[in-house]
């Protein structure tokens, strides 16, 4: 019962915040030598010189100054299953993480970003929301700007389904969450599917890349899950 109450409160808080922040816009400043690099659906895998955006409770309530707030959040958000508190607190106090439910759009102006990166977020969106999200990525990129995407590869899922424990493969690729719908996988892709969608939106030079290889900066840190990811880079 206690866990159910906690999850209900978290869900309600995120729904209210999603509406309150629906039309927000981030004001960014930079020198002429800097690139505006945007990490969408970042979770806690973020870097100080990136604009980190996520729709989680952690991104909503984190504090860069007050350790006590982060200690309470650490327990409430369930991050103790993945991080020590010291690591968790260091991430929050070293990075600026902005809250936004990305189903509502990306909180940046047209043609304001040089690079957009998104790793293992697209699969958490429905088919139609995925198209809207990719269109938003195109909107905020400057002409010639780079998009790098990682998401579970449906072709790998089919191959593993033939050779591994089929239920384990289904649980990994087609994950459903009875507690928190945000965690569920709602749509999966292979390279031809994503290439067609990206081309229809207006992206160019769409290429399947190797893990942690490409023109996007910091992918030696940002890229995750090499065993089942498809990695794509393309340009506006």
Protein backbone atom coordinates (compact mmCIF):
# COMPACT_ATOMS: atom_id res chain seq x y z
CA UNK A 1 0.00 0.00 0.00
CA UNK A 2 2.83 2.42 0.90
CA UNK A 3 4.53 1.82 -2.45
CA UNK A 4 1.25 2.32 -4.32
CA UNK A 5 0.65 5.65 -2.59
CA UNK A 6 4.18 6.79 -3.42
CA UNK A 7 3.81 5.88 -7.10
CA UNK A 8 0.39 7.57 -7.27
CA UNK A 9 1.81 10.80 -5.82
CA UNK A 10 4.77 10.72 -8.21
CA UNK A 11 2.49 10.13 -11.20
CA UNK A 12 0.14 12.95 -10.20
CA UNK A 13 3.02 15.37 -9.62
CA UNK A 14 4.49 14.63 -13.05
CA UNK A 15 1.12 15.03 -14.77
CA UNK A 16 0.51 18.41 -13.11
CA UNK A 17 4.05 19.57 -13.87
CA UNK A 18 3.73 18.42 -17.47
CA UNK A 19 0.79 20.79 -17.92
CA UNK A 20 2.44 23.67 -16.06
CA UNK A 21 5.62 23.44 -18.17
CA UNK A 22 3.89 22.55 -21.44
CA UNK A 23 4.69 25.83 -23.19
CA UNK A 24 8.02 26.63 -21.56
CA UNK A 25 10.98 27.88 -23.59
CA UNK A 26 14.59 27.73 -22.46
CA UNK A 27 16.69 30.81 -23.03
CA UNK A 28 20.23 29.79 -23.96
CA UNK A 29 23.34 31.90 -24.12
CA UNK A 30 26.68 31.03 -25.65
CA UNK A 31 29.82 32.54 -27.06
CA UNK A 32 30.45 32.42 -30.78
CA UNK A 33 32.90 29.54 -30.28
CA UNK A 34 30.44 27.32 -28.42
CA UNK A 35 28.06 24.74 -29.82
CA UNK A 36 24.55 24.36 -28.44
CA UNK A 37 24.37 20.62 -27.71
CA UNK A 38 21.03 19.20 -26.56
CA UNK A 39 20.58 15.85 -24.81
CA UNK A 40 16.91 14.80 -24.93
CA UNK A 41 15.49 12.18 -22.57
CA UNK A 42 18.82 12.23 -20.79
CA UNK A 43 17.90 10.54 -17.52
CA UNK A 44 21.02 10.89 -15.39
CA UNK A 45 23.45 10.37 -18.27
CA UNK A 46 24.24 14.02 -18.79
CA UNK A 47 27.20 16.39 -19.11
CA UNK A 48 27.81 19.96 -17.88
CA UNK A 49 28.25 21.56 -21.32
CA UNK A 50 25.05 20.04 -22.73
CA UNK A 51 21.45 21.23 -22.44
CA UNK A 52 20.05 18.19 -20.62
CA UNK A 53 16.26 17.72 -20.86
CA UNK A 54 14.18 14.96 -19.27
CA UNK A 55 10.63 14.34 -18.05
CA UNK A 56 11.48 12.52 -14.84
CA UNK A 57 10.85 13.37 -11.21
CA UNK A 58 14.59 13.83 -10.76
CA UNK A 59 14.76 16.49 -13.45
CA UNK A 60 11.77 18.25 -11.88
CA UNK A 61 12.91 18.41 -8.26
CA UNK A 62 16.72 18.19 -8.29
CA UNK A 63 18.83 20.82 -6.57
CA UNK A 64 22.32 22.03 -7.52
CA UNK A 65 22.81 23.54 -4.04
CA UNK A 66 20.98 21.57 -1.38
CA UNK A 67 22.12 18.03 -0.66
CA UNK A 68 19.18 17.41 1.68
CA UNK A 69 16.69 17.92 -1.16
CA UNK A 70 18.59 15.46 -3.33
CA UNK A 71 18.73 12.97 -0.47
CA UNK A 72 14.94 13.00 -0.19
CA UNK A 73 14.62 12.77 -3.97
CA UNK A 74 17.05 9.86 -4.06
CA UNK A 75 14.67 7.81 -1.94
CA UNK A 76 11.48 8.99 -3.61
CA UNK A 77 12.64 8.45 -7.19
CA UNK A 78 14.04 4.97 -6.65
CA UNK A 79 17.51 5.93 -7.87
CA UNK A 80 19.09 3.89 -5.07
CA UNK A 81 18.62 0.81 -7.28
CA UNK A 82 21.18 2.18 -9.76
CA UNK A 83 23.39 4.74 -8.02
CA UNK A 84 25.01 5.37 -4.69
CA UNK A 85 23.79 8.62 -3.17
CA UNK A 86 27.23 10.16 -3.61
CA UNK A 87 27.19 9.45 -7.34
CA UNK A 88 23.57 10.58 -7.66
CA UNK A 89 24.17 13.85 -5.82
CA UNK A 90 27.33 14.55 -7.82
CA UNK A 91 25.43 14.21 -11.09
CA UNK A 92 22.69 16.58 -9.96
CA UNK A 93 25.05 19.20 -8.60
CA UNK A 94 27.40 19.06 -11.61
CA UNK A 95 24.78 19.34 -14.36
CA UNK A 96 21.83 21.52 -15.25
CA UNK A 97 18.89 19.20 -15.99
CA UNK A 98 15.68 20.82 -17.27
CA UNK A 99 12.27 19.26 -16.78
CA UNK A 100 10.01 18.83 -19.81
CA UNK A 101 7.58 16.16 -20.91
CA UNK A 102 8.93 15.86 -24.45
CA UNK A 103 5.58 14.64 -25.73
CA UNK A 104 4.62 18.32 -25.39
CA UNK A 105 7.51 19.37 -27.63
CA UNK A 106 11.11 20.44 -27.14
CA UNK A 107 11.43 23.69 -25.13
CA UNK A 108 13.83 25.39 -27.55
CA UNK A 109 13.40 27.94 -30.32
CA UNK A 110 13.54 27.14 -34.03
CA UNK A 111 17.06 26.55 -35.38
CA UNK A 112 18.68 27.09 -31.98
CA UNK A 113 20.70 23.87 -31.60
CA UNK A 114 23.86 22.72 -33.35
CA UNK A 115 23.65 19.10 -32.13
CA UNK A 116 20.76 17.01 -30.83
CA UNK A 117 21.41 13.69 -29.10
CA UNK A 118 18.83 11.21 -27.83
CA UNK A 119 19.61 7.75 -26.49
CA UNK A 120 16.96 5.15 -25.67
CA UNK A 121 14.12 7.60 -25.37
CA UNK A 122 12.33 7.22 -28.71
CA UNK A 123 11.08 3.71 -27.88
CA UNK A 124 9.14 5.13 -24.91
CA UNK A 125 6.91 7.12 -27.29
CA UNK A 126 3.95 5.93 -29.31
CA UNK A 127 4.29 5.75 -33.10
CA UNK A 128 2.66 9.16 -33.63
CA UNK A 129 4.46 10.82 -30.71
CA UNK A 130 7.72 9.45 -32.11
CA UNK A 131 7.11 11.20 -35.44
CA UNK A 132 6.28 14.43 -33.59
CA UNK A 133 9.45 14.12 -31.49
CA UNK A 134 11.68 13.61 -34.53
CA UNK A 135 9.97 16.55 -36.25
CA UNK A 136 10.71 18.67 -33.18
CA UNK A 137 14.37 17.63 -33.36
CA UNK A 138 14.42 18.85 -36.96
CA UNK A 139 12.72 22.11 -35.98
CA UNK A 140 15.24 23.10 -33.30
CA UNK A 141 18.33 22.15 -35.32
CA UNK A 142 20.19 24.80 -37.25
CA UNK A 143 20.66 24.14 -40.98
CA UNK A 144 23.42 21.56 -41.23
CA UNK A 145 22.91 20.54 -37.59
CA UNK A 146 23.54 16.96 -36.47
CA UNK A 147 21.07 14.51 -34.92
CA UNK A 148 22.33 11.29 -33.28
CA UNK A 149 19.76 8.69 -32.19
CA UNK A 150 20.10 5.44 -30.29
CA UNK A 151 17.18 3.07 -29.78
CA UNK A 152 16.69 -0.71 -29.51
CA UNK A 153 17.17 -2.36 -32.90
CA UNK A 154 14.17 -4.42 -33.95
CA UNK A 155 16.35 -6.52 -36.28
CA UNK A 156 18.53 -7.54 -33.32
CA UNK A 157 15.37 -8.40 -31.37
CA UNK A 158 14.21 -10.76 -34.13
CA UNK A 159 17.62 -12.44 -34.36
CA UNK A 160 17.91 -12.88 -30.60
CA UNK A 161 14.37 -14.22 -30.41
CA UNK A 162 15.49 -17.18 -32.54
CA UNK A 163 18.62 -18.00 -30.53
CA UNK A 164 18.02 -16.90 -26.92
CA UNK A 165 15.38 -17.30 -24.24
CA UNK A 166 12.38 -15.88 -26.09
CA UNK A 167 10.68 -14.51 -22.96
CA UNK A 168 13.87 -12.74 -21.87
CA UNK A 169 14.15 -11.12 -25.31
CA UNK A 170 10.52 -9.98 -25.20
CA UNK A 171 10.99 -8.54 -21.71
CA UNK A 172 14.04 -6.60 -22.85
CA UNK A 173 12.80 -5.19 -26.13
CA UNK A 174 9.06 -4.99 -25.51
CA UNK A 175 9.23 -3.90 -21.89
CA UNK A 176 5.97 -3.05 -20.14
CA UNK A 177 5.64 -1.47 -16.72
CA UNK A 178 2.67 -2.21 -14.45
CA UNK A 179 3.68 0.63 -12.10
CA UNK A 180 4.82 3.51 -14.27
CA UNK A 181 3.79 3.87 -17.91
CA UNK A 182 6.69 6.23 -18.70
CA UNK A 183 9.08 3.26 -18.51
CA UNK A 184 7.23 1.13 -21.05
CA UNK A 185 8.48 0.51 -24.58
CA UNK A 186 5.71 1.63 -26.93
CA UNK A 187 7.22 1.34 -30.42
CA UNK A 188 10.40 -0.17 -31.89
CA UNK A 189 12.34 0.40 -35.11
CA UNK A 190 14.96 -1.01 -37.40
CA UNK A 191 17.20 1.09 -39.64
CA UNK A 192 14.96 1.15 -42.76
CA UNK A 193 11.95 2.25 -40.68
CA UNK A 194 13.82 5.09 -39.02
CA UNK A 195 15.48 6.12 -42.28
CA UNK A 196 12.09 6.45 -43.96
CA UNK A 197 10.70 8.53 -41.11
CA UNK A 198 13.73 10.80 -40.94
CA UNK A 199 13.74 11.33 -44.72
CA UNK A 200 10.03 12.20 -44.68
CA UNK A 201 10.69 14.83 -42.01
CA UNK A 202 13.51 16.35 -44.03
CA UNK A 203 16.73 14.92 -42.60
CA UNK A 204 19.61 14.19 -44.96
CA UNK A 205 22.69 11.95 -45.11
CA UNK A 206 21.09 9.36 -42.80
CA UNK A 207 23.67 6.76 -41.79
CA UNK A 208 23.78 3.76 -39.50
CA UNK A 209 26.80 4.22 -37.25
CA UNK A 210 28.87 1.95 -35.03
CA UNK A 211 28.54 2.19 -31.27
CA UNK A 212 30.50 5.18 -29.91
CA UNK A 213 31.62 6.03 -33.46
CA UNK A 214 30.49 9.10 -35.37
CA UNK A 215 30.62 12.87 -35.57
CA UNK A 216 28.63 13.63 -32.41
CA UNK A 217 30.83 14.74 -29.48
CA UNK A 218 31.03 12.87 -26.15
CA UNK A 219 29.55 9.62 -27.45
CA UNK A 220 32.25 7.65 -25.65
CA UNK A 221 30.29 8.62 -22.52
CA UNK A 222 26.76 9.12 -23.81
CA UNK A 223 26.26 5.96 -25.92
CA UNK A 224 24.95 2.96 -23.95
CA UNK A 225 23.71 -0.60 -24.55
CA UNK A 226 25.99 -1.66 -27.42
CA UNK A 227 24.56 -5.17 -27.44
CA UNK A 228 21.14 -4.17 -28.79
CA UNK A 229 21.25 -0.54 -29.96
CA UNK A 230 20.86 0.91 -33.41
CA UNK A 231 22.92 4.11 -33.77
CA UNK A 232 21.99 6.68 -36.42
CA UNK A 233 23.40 10.06 -37.39
CA UNK A 234 21.79 12.46 -39.83
CA UNK A 235 21.71 16.17 -40.70
CA UNK A 236 19.19 18.93 -41.24
